[in-house]
Amino acid sequence: MSLRETLAEKPRRAAAIVGALLIGAVALIAFQLRGSSNSITGSSSSQAFFSVDDGKTWFADDAMKVPPFEKDGKQAVRAYVFRAGNGTKFVNHLERFTPPAKQIMEEAQKPTDPKVPPPPGRSGQIQSALIAGREVKRPGETKWISSTNFKDAGAITAIKGPDGRADAVAVEP
């Protein structure tokens, strides 16, 4: 019996699998975007790399900044910088958030009164912003891809050095 037939006969199992995959995706994205940790290296750097010229150059800035933001009159986006096996540094992919997602994420970073509970559904809005509002692309490409397009976004964020190899390591600011 094929996987498709098994899932068609047992829709609850299919729903459980899809739910587990979605929870895993949300957890992975949230872990990647935490300001206190670099998702790939596990470091506790408070800095991240950003670029204003499509990844040709990059600079370090506060990791809590939600891209895109203004830097010297240009739009800065997050740049994921790696070092290839031969020592060459490169930007693997760029990241930004849609205006509504950026607004939600910036509001979530504002200090709040610990005595006042967050509004109902707030955590759901933040999770939705992290997933549906996140866009990625490779340097040199013009089209930004939503992270809800798991196949294409996964291909973009997969580590791939200038020589096509995947033996690169993350570079910290």
N, C-alpha and C. Protein backbone atom coordinates (compact mmCIF):
# COMPACT_ATOMS: atom_id res chain seq x y z
N MET A 1 0.85 -1.17 0.00
CA MET A 1 0.00 0.00 0.00
C MET A 1 0.90 1.24 0.00
N SER A 2 0.60 2.20 -0.87
CA SER A 2 1.41 3.41 -0.98
C SER A 2 1.08 4.38 0.15
N LEU A 3 1.95 5.33 0.34
CA LEU A 3 1.75 6.35 1.38
C LEU A 3 0.47 7.12 1.11
N ARG A 4 0.24 7.46 -0.14
CA ARG A 4 -0.97 8.21 -0.51
C ARG A 4 -2.23 7.43 -0.13
N GLU A 5 -2.25 6.14 -0.43
CA GLU A 5 -3.42 5.33 -0.09
C GLU A 5 -3.61 5.23 1.41
N THR A 6 -2.51 5.04 2.12
CA THR A 6 -2.59 4.94 3.58
C THR A 6 -3.15 6.22 4.18
N LEU A 7 -2.67 7.37 3.72
CA LEU A 7 -3.15 8.64 4.26
C LEU A 7 -4.59 8.92 3.85
N ALA A 8 -4.98 8.49 2.64
CA ALA A 8 -6.36 8.68 2.20
C ALA A 8 -7.32 7.85 3.05
N GLU A 9 -6.89 6.67 3.45
CA GLU A 9 -7.74 5.79 4.27
C GLU A 9 -7.76 6.22 5.73
N LYS A 10 -6.75 6.92 6.16
CA LYS A 10 -6.65 7.33 7.57
C LYS A 10 -6.43 8.84 7.63
N PRO A 11 -7.50 9.63 7.43
CA PRO A 11 -7.34 11.09 7.39
C PRO A 11 -6.86 11.69 8.71
N ARG A 12 -7.18 11.06 9.83
CA ARG A 12 -6.70 11.58 11.12
C ARG A 12 -5.17 11.48 11.19
N ARG A 13 -4.64 10.39 10.69
CA ARG A 13 -3.19 10.22 10.69
C ARG A 13 -2.56 11.27 9.77
N ALA A 14 -3.18 11.51 8.62
CA ALA A 14 -2.68 12.53 7.70
C ALA A 14 -2.70 13.90 8.35
N ALA A 15 -3.79 14.21 9.05
CA ALA A 15 -3.89 15.50 9.74
C ALA A 15 -2.83 15.63 10.82
N ALA A 16 -2.58 14.55 11.54
CA ALA A 16 -1.56 14.57 12.60
C ALA A 16 -0.17 14.80 12.01
N ILE A 17 0.11 14.17 10.88
CA ILE A 17 1.41 14.35 10.23
C ILE A 17 1.58 15.78 9.74
N VAL A 18 0.54 16.31 9.09
CA VAL A 18 0.60 17.69 8.60
C VAL A 18 0.75 18.65 9.78
N GLY A 19 0.01 18.42 10.85
CA GLY A 19 0.12 19.26 12.04
C GLY A 19 1.51 19.24 12.63
N ALA A 20 2.10 18.05 12.72
CA ALA A 20 3.45 17.92 13.27
C ALA A 20 4.46 18.65 12.38
N LEU A 21 4.29 18.54 11.07
CA LEU A 21 5.19 19.25 10.15
C LEU A 21 5.06 20.77 10.30
N LEU A 22 3.83 21.25 10.44
CA LEU A 22 3.63 22.69 10.62
C LEU A 22 4.22 23.18 11.93
N ILE A 23 4.01 22.44 13.00
CA ILE A 23 4.58 22.82 14.29
C ILE A 23 6.10 22.83 14.21
N GLY A 24 6.67 21.83 13.55
CA GLY A 24 8.12 21.78 13.38
C GLY A 24 8.62 22.97 12.57
N ALA A 25 7.90 23.34 11.52
CA ALA A 25 8.30 24.48 10.70
C ALA A 25 8.24 25.78 11.50
N VAL A 26 7.17 25.95 12.27
CA VAL A 26 7.04 27.15 13.11
C VAL A 26 8.17 27.21 14.12
N ALA A 27 8.46 26.08 14.76
CA ALA A 27 9.53 26.05 15.76
C ALA A 27 10.88 26.37 15.12
N LEU A 28 11.14 25.82 13.95
CA LEU A 28 12.41 26.07 13.26
C LEU A 28 12.55 27.55 12.90
N ILE A 29 11.50 28.12 12.35
CA ILE A 29 11.56 29.53 11.96
C ILE A 29 11.70 30.42 13.18
N ALA A 30 10.94 30.13 14.23
CA ALA A 30 11.05 30.93 15.46
C ALA A 30 12.45 30.82 16.04
N PHE A 31 13.03 29.63 16.01
CA PHE A 31 14.38 29.44 16.53
C PHE A 31 15.38 30.23 15.70
N GLN A 32 15.19 30.24 14.37
CA GLN A 32 16.10 30.97 13.49
C GLN A 32 16.02 32.47 13.71
N LEU A 33 14.84 32.95 14.05
CA LEU A 33 14.65 34.39 14.15
C LEU A 33 14.84 34.95 15.55
N ARG A 34 15.10 34.12 16.52
CA ARG A 34 15.32 34.61 17.88
C ARG A 34 16.49 35.56 17.87
N GLY A 35 16.32 36.68 18.51
CA GLY A 35 17.40 37.66 18.55
C GLY A 35 18.56 37.21 19.41
N SER A 36 18.36 36.29 20.35
CA SER A 36 19.41 35.91 21.28
C SER A 36 20.26 34.76 20.79
N SER A 37 19.98 34.23 19.63
CA SER A 37 20.76 33.09 19.17
C SER A 37 20.82 33.04 17.66
N ASN A 38 21.98 32.69 17.15
CA ASN A 38 22.14 32.46 15.73
C ASN A 38 21.72 31.02 15.49
N SER A 39 20.72 30.82 14.63
CA SER A 39 20.12 29.50 14.47
C SER A 39 21.09 28.45 13.94
N ILE A 40 22.07 28.86 13.18
CA ILE A 40 22.94 27.88 12.56
C ILE A 40 24.11 27.55 13.46
N THR A 41 24.68 28.58 14.09
CA THR A 41 25.86 28.34 14.91
C THR A 41 25.52 28.12 16.37
N GLY A 42 24.32 28.54 16.80
CA GLY A 42 23.95 28.41 18.19
C GLY A 42 24.62 29.45 19.07
N SER A 43 25.25 30.46 18.48
CA SER A 43 25.93 31.48 19.26
C SER A 43 24.91 32.41 19.92
N SER A 44 25.37 33.18 20.86
CA SER A 44 24.48 34.13 21.53
C SER A 44 24.81 35.55 21.08
N SER A 45 25.23 35.72 19.85
CA SER A 45 25.58 37.03 19.31
C SER A 45 24.35 37.91 19.25
N SER A 46 24.53 39.17 19.61
CA SER A 46 23.43 40.13 19.51
C SER A 46 23.49 40.87 18.18
N GLN A 47 24.40 40.46 17.32
CA GLN A 47 24.58 41.07 16.01
C GLN A 47 24.19 40.09 14.91
N ALA A 48 23.79 40.64 13.78
CA ALA A 48 23.49 39.84 12.59
C ALA A 48 24.01 40.61 11.39
N PHE A 49 24.13 39.92 10.26
CA PHE A 49 24.57 40.58 9.04
C PHE A 49 23.36 41.07 8.25
N PHE A 50 23.55 42.21 7.60
CA PHE A 50 22.54 42.80 6.73
C PHE A 50 23.23 43.31 5.48
N SER A 51 22.45 43.54 4.42
CA SER A 51 23.01 44.03 3.16
C SER A 51 22.05 45.06 2.55
N VAL A 52 22.63 46.06 1.90
CA VAL A 52 21.82 47.06 1.19
C VAL A 52 22.01 46.95 -0.33
N ASP A 53 22.85 46.01 -0.77
CA ASP A 53 23.16 45.90 -2.20
C ASP A 53 23.03 44.47 -2.72
N ASP A 54 21.98 43.80 -2.28
CA ASP A 54 21.67 42.46 -2.77
C ASP A 54 22.76 41.44 -2.45
N GLY A 55 23.42 41.61 -1.30
CA GLY A 55 24.40 40.63 -0.85
C GLY A 55 25.81 40.80 -1.37
N LYS A 56 26.05 41.85 -2.15
CA LYS A 56 27.42 42.08 -2.65
C LYS A 56 28.35 42.43 -1.49
N THR A 57 27.83 43.24 -0.57
CA THR A 57 28.56 43.58 0.66
C THR A 57 27.60 43.40 1.82
N TRP A 58 28.14 43.33 3.02
CA TRP A 58 27.29 43.18 4.20
C TRP A 58 27.92 43.90 5.38
N PHE A 59 27.09 44.15 6.38
CA PHE A 59 27.53 44.84 7.58
C PHE A 59 26.82 44.23 8.78
N ALA A 60 27.42 44.38 9.94
CA ALA A 60 26.82 43.87 11.18
C ALA A 60 25.98 44.97 11.82
N ASP A 61 24.85 44.56 12.38
CA ASP A 61 23.98 45.49 13.09
C ASP A 61 23.20 44.70 14.13
N ASP A 62 22.36 45.37 14.86
CA ASP A 62 21.57 44.75 15.92
C ASP A 62 20.68 43.64 15.35
N ALA A 63 20.82 42.43 15.87
CA ALA A 63 20.06 41.28 15.38
C ALA A 63 18.56 41.42 15.63
N MET A 64 18.17 42.30 16.53
CA MET A 64 16.75 42.49 16.81
C MET A 64 16.06 43.36 15.77
N LYS A 65 16.80 43.99 14.88
CA LYS A 65 16.18 44.80 13.83
C LYS A 65 15.44 43.87 12.87
N VAL A 66 14.22 44.26 12.54
CA VAL A 66 13.40 43.46 11.64
C VAL A 66 13.55 44.03 10.23
N PRO A 67 14.10 43.24 9.31
CA PRO A 67 14.29 43.74 7.95
C PRO A 67 13.00 43.69 7.13
N PRO A 68 12.83 44.61 6.19
CA PRO A 68 13.80 45.62 5.78
C PRO A 68 13.72 46.86 6.68
N PHE A 69 14.86 47.54 6.79
CA PHE A 69 14.92 48.81 7.50
C PHE A 69 15.84 49.75 6.73
N GLU A 70 15.74 51.02 7.04
CA GLU A 70 16.50 52.04 6.34
C GLU A 70 17.93 52.11 6.89
N LYS A 71 18.91 52.10 5.99
CA LYS A 71 20.33 52.24 6.36
C LYS A 71 20.99 53.12 5.31
N ASP A 72 21.40 54.30 5.70
CA ASP A 72 22.04 55.24 4.79
C ASP A 72 21.21 55.48 3.53
N GLY A 73 19.90 55.61 3.70
CA GLY A 73 19.01 55.90 2.58
C GLY A 73 18.66 54.71 1.71
N LYS A 74 19.07 53.51 2.11
CA LYS A 74 18.78 52.30 1.32
C LYS A 74 18.07 51.28 2.20
N GLN A 75 17.37 50.35 1.55
CA GLN A 75 16.69 49.27 2.27
C GLN A 75 17.69 48.18 2.63
N ALA A 76 17.81 47.90 3.92
CA ALA A 76 18.69 46.83 4.39
C ALA A 76 17.87 45.58 4.67
N VAL A 77 18.38 44.43 4.24
CA VAL A 77 17.74 43.14 4.49
C VAL A 77 18.74 42.23 5.19
N ARG A 78 18.25 41.20 5.85
CA ARG A 78 19.12 40.26 6.56
C ARG A 78 19.92 39.46 5.55
N ALA A 79 21.22 39.29 5.82
CA ALA A 79 22.11 38.53 4.94
C ALA A 79 22.69 37.36 5.74
N TYR A 80 22.52 36.15 5.25
CA TYR A 80 23.07 34.96 5.89
C TYR A 80 24.42 34.67 5.25
N VAL A 81 25.49 34.96 5.99
CA VAL A 81 26.86 34.89 5.47
C VAL A 81 27.52 33.58 5.89
N PHE A 82 28.21 32.96 4.93
CA PHE A 82 28.89 31.69 5.16
C PHE A 82 30.31 31.76 4.61
N ARG A 83 31.15 30.83 5.04
CA ARG A 83 32.51 30.68 4.52
C ARG A 83 32.57 29.32 3.83
N ALA A 84 32.91 29.34 2.55
CA ALA A 84 33.03 28.10 1.78
C ALA A 84 34.27 27.34 2.21
N GLY A 85 34.38 26.10 1.79
CA GLY A 85 35.52 25.25 2.12
C GLY A 85 36.85 25.86 1.71
N ASN A 86 36.85 26.67 0.65
CA ASN A 86 38.09 27.30 0.19
C ASN A 86 38.36 28.64 0.87
N GLY A 87 37.51 29.02 1.85
CA GLY A 87 37.71 30.25 2.60
C GLY A 87 36.94 31.46 2.10
N THR A 88 36.31 31.35 0.95
CA THR A 88 35.55 32.46 0.38
C THR A 88 34.29 32.72 1.20
N LYS A 89 34.08 33.98 1.59
CA LYS A 89 32.85 34.36 2.28
C LYS A 89 31.81 34.74 1.24
N PHE A 90 30.56 34.36 1.50
CA PHE A 90 29.48 34.66 0.56
C PHE A 90 28.16 34.76 1.30
N VAL A 91 27.21 35.45 0.69
CA VAL A 91 25.85 35.53 1.21
C VAL A 91 25.06 34.40 0.56
N ASN A 92 24.57 33.48 1.37
CA ASN A 92 23.80 32.36 0.87
C ASN A 92 22.40 32.80 0.45
N HIS A 93 21.75 33.57 1.33
CA HIS A 93 20.42 34.07 1.01
C HIS A 93 20.13 35.32 1.82
N LEU A 94 19.11 36.03 1.37
CA LEU A 94 18.67 37.27 2.00
C LEU A 94 17.26 37.06 2.56
N GLU A 95 16.91 37.87 3.56
CA GLU A 95 15.62 37.70 4.22
C GLU A 95 15.01 39.07 4.53
N ARG A 96 13.70 39.16 4.36
CA ARG A 96 12.96 40.35 4.75
C ARG A 96 11.56 39.91 5.18
N PHE A 97 10.81 40.87 5.71
CA PHE A 97 9.44 40.59 6.14
C PHE A 97 8.49 41.57 5.45
N THR A 98 7.27 41.12 5.22
CA THR A 98 6.26 41.99 4.63
C THR A 98 5.94 43.10 5.63
N PRO A 99 5.43 44.25 5.16
CA PRO A 99 5.11 45.34 6.09
C PRO A 99 4.19 44.93 7.25
N PRO A 100 3.10 44.16 7.01
CA PRO A 100 2.27 43.78 8.16
C PRO A 100 3.01 42.88 9.16
N ALA A 101 3.82 41.96 8.67
CA ALA A 101 4.58 41.07 9.56
C ALA A 101 5.62 41.86 10.33
N LYS A 102 6.28 42.78 9.66
CA LYS A 102 7.29 43.62 10.31
C LYS A 102 6.66 44.41 11.46
N GLN A 103 5.49 44.97 11.21
CA GLN A 103 4.80 45.75 12.24
C GLN A 103 4.47 44.88 13.46
N ILE A 104 3.95 43.69 13.22
CA ILE A 104 3.61 42.78 14.32
C ILE A 104 4.86 42.41 15.11
N MET A 105 5.94 42.10 14.41
CA MET A 105 7.17 41.68 15.09
C MET A 105 7.80 42.83 15.88
N GLU A 106 7.76 44.03 15.33
CA GLU A 106 8.31 45.18 16.06
C GLU A 106 7.48 45.51 17.29
N GLU A 107 6.16 45.40 17.17
CA GLU A 107 5.29 45.64 18.33
C GLU A 107 5.54 44.60 19.41
N ALA A 108 5.82 43.37 19.00
CA ALA A 108 6.07 42.30 19.98
C ALA A 108 7.36 42.54 20.74
N GLN A 109 8.29 43.29 20.17
CA GLN A 109 9.57 43.57 20.83
C GLN A 109 9.49 44.71 21.83
N LYS A 110 8.42 45.51 21.76
CA LYS A 110 8.29 46.65 22.66
C LYS A 110 8.06 46.16 24.08
N PRO A 111 8.67 46.84 25.06
CA PRO A 111 8.44 46.45 26.45
C PRO A 111 6.97 46.61 26.82
N THR A 112 6.49 45.69 27.60
CA THR A 112 5.10 45.75 28.04
C THR A 112 5.04 45.66 29.56
N ASP A 113 3.92 46.02 30.09
CA ASP A 113 3.69 45.92 31.53
C ASP A 113 3.49 44.45 31.87
N PRO A 114 4.35 43.87 32.73
CA PRO A 114 4.21 42.45 33.05
C PRO A 114 2.91 42.11 33.76
N LYS A 115 2.23 43.12 34.30
CA LYS A 115 0.96 42.88 35.00
C LYS A 115 -0.23 42.79 34.04
N VAL A 116 -0.02 43.25 32.81
CA VAL A 116 -1.09 43.24 31.82
C VAL A 116 -0.88 42.08 30.86
N PRO A 117 -1.86 41.18 30.77
CA PRO A 117 -1.69 40.04 29.86
C PRO A 117 -1.73 40.50 28.40
N PRO A 118 -1.02 39.77 27.53
CA PRO A 118 -1.06 40.14 26.11
C PRO A 118 -2.47 39.94 25.56
N PRO A 119 -2.81 40.68 24.51
CA PRO A 119 -4.14 40.51 23.93
C PRO A 119 -4.35 39.09 23.42
N PRO A 120 -5.60 38.61 23.45
CA PRO A 120 -5.87 37.25 22.97
C PRO A 120 -5.44 37.09 21.51
N GLY A 121 -4.84 35.95 21.22
CA GLY A 121 -4.42 35.65 19.85
C GLY A 121 -3.10 36.27 19.46
N ARG A 122 -2.44 36.96 20.38
CA ARG A 122 -1.19 37.65 20.04
C ARG A 122 -0.09 36.67 19.61
N SER A 123 0.06 35.57 20.34
CA SER A 123 1.11 34.62 19.96
C SER A 123 0.83 34.02 18.59
N GLY A 124 -0.43 33.82 18.26
CA GLY A 124 -0.79 33.32 16.93
C GLY A 124 -0.44 34.32 15.84
N GLN A 125 -0.64 35.61 16.13
CA GLN A 125 -0.29 36.65 15.16
C GLN A 125 1.22 36.67 14.92
N ILE A 126 1.98 36.52 16.00
CA ILE A 126 3.44 36.53 15.87
C ILE A 126 3.91 35.32 15.07
N GLN A 127 3.37 34.15 15.37
CA GLN A 127 3.75 32.95 14.62
C GLN A 127 3.39 33.09 13.15
N SER A 128 2.22 33.65 12.89
CA SER A 128 1.80 33.85 11.51
C SER A 128 2.74 34.82 10.80
N ALA A 129 3.15 35.88 11.50
CA ALA A 129 4.08 36.85 10.91
C ALA A 129 5.42 36.19 10.60
N LEU A 130 5.87 35.31 11.50
CA LEU A 130 7.15 34.63 11.30
C LEU A 130 7.13 33.72 10.08
N ILE A 131 5.98 33.13 9.82
CA ILE A 131 5.89 32.19 8.70
C ILE A 131 5.41 32.89 7.43
N ALA A 132 4.19 33.41 7.48
CA ALA A 132 3.57 33.97 6.28
C ALA A 132 4.21 35.29 5.85
N GLY A 133 4.80 36.02 6.80
CA GLY A 133 5.37 37.31 6.46
C GLY A 133 6.84 37.29 6.09
N ARG A 134 7.47 36.14 6.19
CA ARG A 134 8.90 36.02 5.90
C ARG A 134 9.10 35.74 4.41
N GLU A 135 10.05 36.47 3.81
CA GLU A 135 10.39 36.26 2.40
C GLU A 135 11.89 36.08 2.26
N VAL A 136 12.30 35.22 1.36
CA VAL A 136 13.72 34.93 1.14
C VAL A 136 14.04 34.94 -0.35
N LYS A 137 15.31 35.16 -0.64
CA LYS A 137 15.78 35.05 -2.03
C LYS A 137 17.29 34.90 -2.02
N ARG A 138 17.83 34.41 -3.11
CA ARG A 138 19.28 34.33 -3.30
C ARG A 138 19.76 35.67 -3.86
N PRO A 139 20.99 36.05 -3.54
CA PRO A 139 21.55 37.26 -4.15
C PRO A 139 21.52 37.15 -5.68
N GLY A 140 21.20 38.25 -6.33
CA GLY A 140 21.14 38.27 -7.79
C GLY A 140 19.78 37.93 -8.36
N GLU A 141 18.92 37.30 -7.58
CA GLU A 141 17.57 37.00 -8.05
C GLU A 141 16.67 38.19 -7.75
N THR A 142 15.65 38.37 -8.55
CA THR A 142 14.77 39.52 -8.35
C THR A 142 13.53 39.18 -7.53
N LYS A 143 13.07 37.95 -7.61
CA LYS A 143 11.81 37.58 -6.96
C LYS A 143 12.03 37.09 -5.53
N TRP A 144 11.28 37.67 -4.60
CA TRP A 144 11.28 37.22 -3.22
C TRP A 144 10.25 36.10 -3.09
N ILE A 145 10.58 35.05 -2.35
CA ILE A 145 9.71 33.88 -2.18
C ILE A 145 9.21 33.84 -0.75
N SER A 146 7.91 33.66 -0.59
CA SER A 146 7.32 33.55 0.75
C SER A 146 7.77 32.24 1.39
N SER A 147 8.00 32.29 2.69
CA SER A 147 8.41 31.06 3.39
C SER A 147 7.26 30.07 3.48
N THR A 148 6.04 30.48 3.11
CA THR A 148 4.94 29.52 3.07
C THR A 148 5.08 28.59 1.86
N ASN A 149 5.88 28.97 0.91
CA ASN A 149 6.20 28.11 -0.23
C ASN A 149 7.40 27.26 0.21
N PHE A 150 7.09 26.21 1.00
CA PHE A 150 8.13 25.43 1.66
C PHE A 150 9.17 24.87 0.70
N LYS A 151 8.73 24.41 -0.46
CA LYS A 151 9.66 23.80 -1.41
C LYS A 151 10.68 24.82 -1.91
N ASP A 152 10.20 25.93 -2.45
CA ASP A 152 11.11 26.93 -3.01
C ASP A 152 11.92 27.64 -1.93
N ALA A 153 11.27 27.98 -0.81
CA ALA A 153 11.99 28.65 0.28
C ALA A 153 13.07 27.72 0.84
N GLY A 154 12.77 26.44 0.94
CA GLY A 154 13.77 25.48 1.42
C GLY A 154 14.95 25.37 0.48
N ALA A 155 14.68 25.40 -0.82
CA ALA A 155 15.77 25.34 -1.79
C ALA A 155 16.64 26.60 -1.72
N ILE A 156 16.01 27.74 -1.48
CA ILE A 156 16.76 29.00 -1.39
C ILE A 156 17.63 29.03 -0.14
N THR A 157 17.10 28.58 0.99
CA THR A 157 17.85 28.67 2.25
C THR A 157 18.82 27.52 2.46
N ALA A 158 18.77 26.50 1.61
CA ALA A 158 19.74 25.41 1.71
C ALA A 158 21.13 25.97 1.41
N ILE A 159 22.10 25.60 2.22
CA ILE A 159 23.44 26.15 2.06
C ILE A 159 24.07 25.63 0.77
N LYS A 160 24.49 26.59 -0.05
CA LYS A 160 25.10 26.25 -1.34
C LYS A 160 26.17 27.28 -1.64
N GLY A 161 27.42 26.86 -1.58
CA GLY A 161 28.54 27.77 -1.81
C GLY A 161 28.65 28.20 -3.26
N PRO A 162 29.53 29.16 -3.53
CA PRO A 162 29.73 29.63 -4.91
C PRO A 162 30.15 28.51 -5.86
N ASP A 163 30.81 27.49 -5.32
CA ASP A 163 31.23 26.36 -6.15
C ASP A 163 30.16 25.26 -6.22
N GLY A 164 28.99 25.53 -5.62
CA GLY A 164 27.90 24.56 -5.64
C GLY A 164 27.93 23.55 -4.52
N ARG A 165 29.00 23.56 -3.72
CA ARG A 165 29.13 22.60 -2.62
C ARG A 165 28.41 23.11 -1.38
N ALA A 166 28.06 22.18 -0.50
CA ALA A 166 27.33 22.53 0.72
C ALA A 166 28.20 22.43 1.96
N ASP A 167 29.52 22.56 1.80
CA ASP A 167 30.42 22.39 2.94
C ASP A 167 30.77 23.72 3.62
N ALA A 168 29.92 24.72 3.48
CA ALA A 168 30.17 26.03 4.06
C ALA A 168 29.75 26.06 5.53
N VAL A 169 30.36 26.98 6.27
CA VAL A 169 30.01 27.17 7.68
C VAL A 169 29.58 28.62 7.88
N ALA A 170 28.68 28.82 8.83
CA ALA A 170 28.17 30.16 9.11
C ALA A 170 29.27 31.06 9.65
N VAL A 171 29.20 32.32 9.27
CA VAL A 171 30.14 33.34 9.75
C VAL A 171 29.37 34.23 10.72
N GLU A 172 29.97 34.49 11.87
CA GLU A 172 29.33 35.35 12.86
C GLU A 172 29.85 36.78 12.73
N PRO A 173 28.99 37.75 13.01
CA PRO A 173 29.45 39.15 12.98
C PRO A 173 30.49 39.41 14.06
